[in-house]
């Protein structure tokens, strides 16, 4: 059984930083593509960053450029999202996702099927 648990969200001032974590169980990062998504109130969920089962990362269209970084610790089976220079428009619920198909491209995360975490709230406000 796959389980994804996000943590690290909270309230941060504009210009600040946060690191989100996603503890994964029931899957291996060298087989399944992982990613971060976010959903702001009244908006559709959108892809932020993806990391392939092979190790490369991809940025989805319209996601923040140059401010966010995705990484993973295979020994801890934990996925990370490092967010810097945060803006108010980055406020959203952030979700960790894993493709249900092995050896998937990042595009597969946009269509699914995926495993999802419960989400963690990030609020950027002064």
C-alpha atoms as a PDB file:
ATOM      1  CA  UNK A   1       0.000   0.000   0.000  1.00  0.00           C
ATOM      2  CA  UNK A   2       1.356   3.398  -1.012  1.00  0.00           C
ATOM      3  CA  UNK A   3       1.237   6.201   1.512  1.00  0.00           C
ATOM      4  CA  UNK A   4       2.394   9.797   1.006  1.00  0.00           C
ATOM      5  CA  UNK A   5       2.551  12.214   3.926  1.00  0.00           C
ATOM      6  CA  UNK A   6       3.440  15.864   3.410  1.00  0.00           C
ATOM      7  CA  UNK A   7       4.774  18.192   6.082  1.00  0.00           C
ATOM      8  CA  UNK A   8       6.521  21.527   6.401  1.00  0.00           C
ATOM      9  CA  UNK A   9       3.804  23.925   5.382  1.00  0.00           C
ATOM     10  CA  UNK A  10       2.942  27.027   7.338  1.00  0.00           C
ATOM     11  CA  UNK A  11       2.784  30.800   7.349  1.00  0.00           C
ATOM     12  CA  UNK A  12       5.717  32.686   5.888  1.00  0.00           C
ATOM     13  CA  UNK A  13       6.308  36.301   4.949  1.00  0.00           C
ATOM     14  CA  UNK A  14       6.832  37.357   1.353  1.00  0.00           C
ATOM     15  CA  UNK A  15      10.440  36.778   0.385  1.00  0.00           C
ATOM     16  CA  UNK A  16      10.795  33.948   2.856  1.00  0.00           C
ATOM     17  CA  UNK A  17      11.570  30.273   2.361  1.00  0.00           C
ATOM     18  CA  UNK A  18      10.022  26.934   3.216  1.00  0.00           C
ATOM     19  CA  UNK A  19      10.970  23.338   2.670  1.00  0.00           C
ATOM     20  CA  UNK A  20       8.189  20.830   2.231  1.00  0.00           C
ATOM     21  CA  UNK A  21       8.727  17.133   2.810  1.00  0.00           C
ATOM     22  CA  UNK A  22       6.833  14.114   1.557  1.00  0.00           C
ATOM     23  CA  UNK A  23       7.497  10.851   3.363  1.00  0.00           C
ATOM     24  CA  UNK A  24       6.699   7.980   1.031  1.00  0.00           C
ATOM     25  CA  UNK A  25       6.098   4.327   1.815  1.00  0.00           C
ATOM     26  CA  UNK A  26       5.104   1.405  -0.360  1.00  0.00           C
ATOM     27  CA  UNK A  27       7.070   2.506  -3.412  1.00  0.00           C
ATOM     28  CA  UNK A  28      10.621   3.071  -4.551  1.00  0.00           C
ATOM     29  CA  UNK A  29      11.889   6.336  -6.004  1.00  0.00           C
ATOM     30  CA  UNK A  30      13.996   4.501  -8.565  1.00  0.00           C
ATOM     31  CA  UNK A  31      10.824   3.069 -10.115  1.00  0.00           C
ATOM     32  CA  UNK A  32       8.110   5.727  -9.702  1.00  0.00           C
ATOM     33  CA  UNK A  33       8.064   9.325 -10.887  1.00  0.00           C
ATOM     34  CA  UNK A  34       7.184  11.814  -8.150  1.00  0.00           C
ATOM     35  CA  UNK A  35       6.049  15.387  -8.155  1.00  0.00           C
ATOM     36  CA  UNK A  36       4.655  18.381  -6.346  1.00  0.00           C
ATOM     37  CA  UNK A  37       1.343  20.021  -7.195  1.00  0.00           C
ATOM     38  CA  UNK A  38      -0.504  22.945  -5.664  1.00  0.00           C
ATOM     39  CA  UNK A  39      -4.045  24.221  -5.540  1.00  0.00           C
ATOM     40  CA  UNK A  40      -5.004  27.747  -4.601  1.00  0.00           C
ATOM     41  CA  UNK A  41      -8.568  28.648  -3.568  1.00  0.00           C
ATOM     42  CA  UNK A  42     -10.841  28.829  -6.585  1.00  0.00           C
ATOM     43  CA  UNK A  43      -8.202  27.476  -8.936  1.00  0.00           C
ATOM     44  CA  UNK A  44      -7.459  24.121 -10.445  1.00  0.00           C
ATOM     45  CA  UNK A  45      -4.635  21.995  -9.140  1.00  0.00           C
ATOM     46  CA  UNK A  46      -1.451  22.630 -11.094  1.00  0.00           C
ATOM     47  CA  UNK A  47       1.835  20.839 -11.435  1.00  0.00           C
ATOM     48  CA  UNK A  48       4.881  22.511  -9.909  1.00  0.00           C
ATOM     49  CA  UNK A  49       7.896  20.235 -10.278  1.00  0.00           C
ATOM     50  CA  UNK A  50       8.515  16.621 -11.126  1.00  0.00           C
ATOM     51  CA  UNK A  51      11.400  14.263 -10.493  1.00  0.00           C
ATOM     52  CA  UNK A  52      11.739  11.237 -12.701  1.00  0.00           C
ATOM     53  CA  UNK A  53      12.334   7.688 -11.510  1.00  0.00           C
ATOM     54  CA  UNK A  54      15.684   8.054 -13.313  1.00  0.00           C
ATOM     55  CA  UNK A  55      16.613  11.140 -11.318  1.00  0.00           C
ATOM     56  CA  UNK A  56      16.104  14.077 -13.676  1.00  0.00           C
ATOM     57  CA  UNK A  57      13.724  16.893 -12.777  1.00  0.00           C
ATOM     58  CA  UNK A  58      11.242  18.868 -14.846  1.00  0.00           C
ATOM     59  CA  UNK A  59       9.334  22.096 -14.304  1.00  0.00           C
ATOM     60  CA  UNK A  60       5.735  22.191 -15.402  1.00  0.00           C
ATOM     61  CA  UNK A  61       4.474  25.120 -17.496  1.00  0.00           C
ATOM     62  CA  UNK A  62       3.346  28.128 -15.474  1.00  0.00           C
ATOM     63  CA  UNK A  63       5.107  26.944 -12.325  1.00  0.00           C
ATOM     64  CA  UNK A  64       7.563  29.274 -10.574  1.00  0.00           C
ATOM     65  CA  UNK A  65      10.840  29.518 -12.450  1.00  0.00           C
ATOM     66  CA  UNK A  66      14.106  29.561 -10.551  1.00  0.00           C
ATOM     67  CA  UNK A  67      12.609  29.820  -7.077  1.00  0.00           C
ATOM     68  CA  UNK A  68      11.583  26.227  -6.369  1.00  0.00           C
ATOM     69  CA  UNK A  69      13.724  23.080  -6.326  1.00  0.00           C
ATOM     70  CA  UNK A  70      12.682  19.457  -6.105  1.00  0.00           C
ATOM     71  CA  UNK A  71      14.905  16.786  -4.622  1.00  0.00           C
ATOM     72  CA  UNK A  72      14.687  13.399  -2.999  1.00  0.00           C
ATOM     73  CA  UNK A  73      16.543  11.334  -0.428  1.00  0.00           C
ATOM     74  CA  UNK A  74      16.350   7.733  -1.550  1.00  0.00           C
ATOM     75  CA  UNK A  75      17.680   6.432   1.753  1.00  0.00           C
ATOM     76  CA  UNK A  76      14.874   8.177   3.642  1.00  0.00           C
ATOM     77  CA  UNK A  77      12.293   7.683   0.879  1.00  0.00           C
ATOM     78  CA  UNK A  78      11.465  11.353   1.236  1.00  0.00           C
ATOM     79  CA  UNK A  79      10.694  13.920  -1.435  1.00  0.00           C
ATOM     80  CA  UNK A  80      11.399  17.603  -0.861  1.00  0.00           C
ATOM     81  CA  UNK A  81      10.289  20.922  -2.294  1.00  0.00           C
ATOM     82  CA  UNK A  82      12.543  23.830  -1.470  1.00  0.00           C
ATOM     83  CA  UNK A  83      10.741  27.146  -1.988  1.00  0.00           C
ATOM     84  CA  UNK A  84      12.584  30.465  -1.919  1.00  0.00           C
ATOM     85  CA  UNK A  85      11.612  34.096  -2.495  1.00  0.00           C
ATOM     86  CA  UNK A  86       8.015  33.195  -1.783  1.00  0.00           C
ATOM     87  CA  UNK A  87       5.264  35.428  -3.077  1.00  0.00           C
ATOM     88  CA  UNK A  88       1.676  35.842  -1.948  1.00  0.00           C
ATOM     89  CA  UNK A  89       0.538  34.091  -5.124  1.00  0.00           C
ATOM     90  CA  UNK A  90       2.406  30.968  -3.993  1.00  0.00           C
ATOM     91  CA  UNK A  91      -0.171  30.496  -1.235  1.00  0.00           C
ATOM     92  CA  UNK A  92      -1.901  27.173  -1.815  1.00  0.00           C
ATOM     93  CA  UNK A  93      -2.292  23.637  -0.579  1.00  0.00           C
ATOM     94  CA  UNK A  94       0.732  21.710  -1.794  1.00  0.00           C
ATOM     95  CA  UNK A  95       0.378  18.041  -2.659  1.00  0.00           C
ATOM     96  CA  UNK A  96       2.886  15.289  -3.175  1.00  0.00           C
ATOM     97  CA  UNK A  97       2.071  12.850  -5.974  1.00  0.00           C
ATOM     98  CA  UNK A  98       3.438   9.591  -7.286  1.00  0.00           C
ATOM     99  CA  UNK A  99       2.530   8.031 -10.589  1.00  0.00           C
ATOM    100  CA  UNK A 100       0.779   4.698 -10.295  1.00  0.00           C
ATOM    101  CA  UNK A 101       2.627   3.563 -13.399  1.00  0.00           C
ATOM    102  CA  UNK A 102       6.225   2.513 -13.133  1.00  0.00           C
ATOM    103  CA  UNK A 103       8.905   4.328 -15.152  1.00  0.00           C
ATOM    104  CA  UNK A 104       6.506   7.135 -16.121  1.00  0.00           C
ATOM    105  CA  UNK A 105       7.421  10.428 -17.761  1.00  0.00           C
ATOM    106  CA  UNK A 106       6.558  13.655 -15.928  1.00  0.00           C
ATOM    107  CA  UNK A 107       3.634  14.203 -18.275  1.00  0.00           C
ATOM    108  CA  UNK A 108       1.970  11.146 -16.778  1.00  0.00           C
ATOM    109  CA  UNK A 109       1.611  12.914 -13.443  1.00  0.00           C
ATOM    110  CA  UNK A 110      -0.582  15.530 -15.115  1.00  0.00           C
ATOM    111  CA  UNK A 111      -3.058  12.922 -16.323  1.00  0.00           C
ATOM    112  CA  UNK A 112      -2.798  10.252 -13.677  1.00  0.00           C
ATOM    113  CA  UNK A 113      -3.591   7.917 -12.224  1.00  0.00           C
ATOM    114  CA  UNK A 114      -1.569   9.052  -9.222  1.00  0.00           C
ATOM    115  CA  UNK A 115      -1.205   8.397  -5.568  1.00  0.00           C
ATOM    116  CA  UNK A 116      -1.739  11.594  -3.573  1.00  0.00           C
ATOM    117  CA  UNK A 117      -0.826  12.896  -0.180  1.00  0.00           C
ATOM    118  CA  UNK A 118      -3.275  14.781   1.994  1.00  0.00           C
ATOM    119  CA  UNK A 119      -1.674  18.149   1.262  1.00  0.00           C
ATOM    120  CA  UNK A 120       0.007  20.802   3.364  1.00  0.00           C
ATOM    121  CA  UNK A 121      -1.063  24.440   3.507  1.00  0.00           C
ATOM    122  CA  UNK A 122       1.396  27.152   2.566  1.00  0.00           C
ATOM    123  CA  UNK A 123       0.355  30.723   3.279  1.00  0.00           C
ATOM    124  CA  UNK A 124       2.531  33.623   2.200  1.00  0.00           C
ATOM    125  CA  UNK A 125       1.428  36.784   3.911  1.00  0.00           C
ATOM    126  CA  UNK A 126       2.801  39.772   5.765  1.00  0.00           C
END
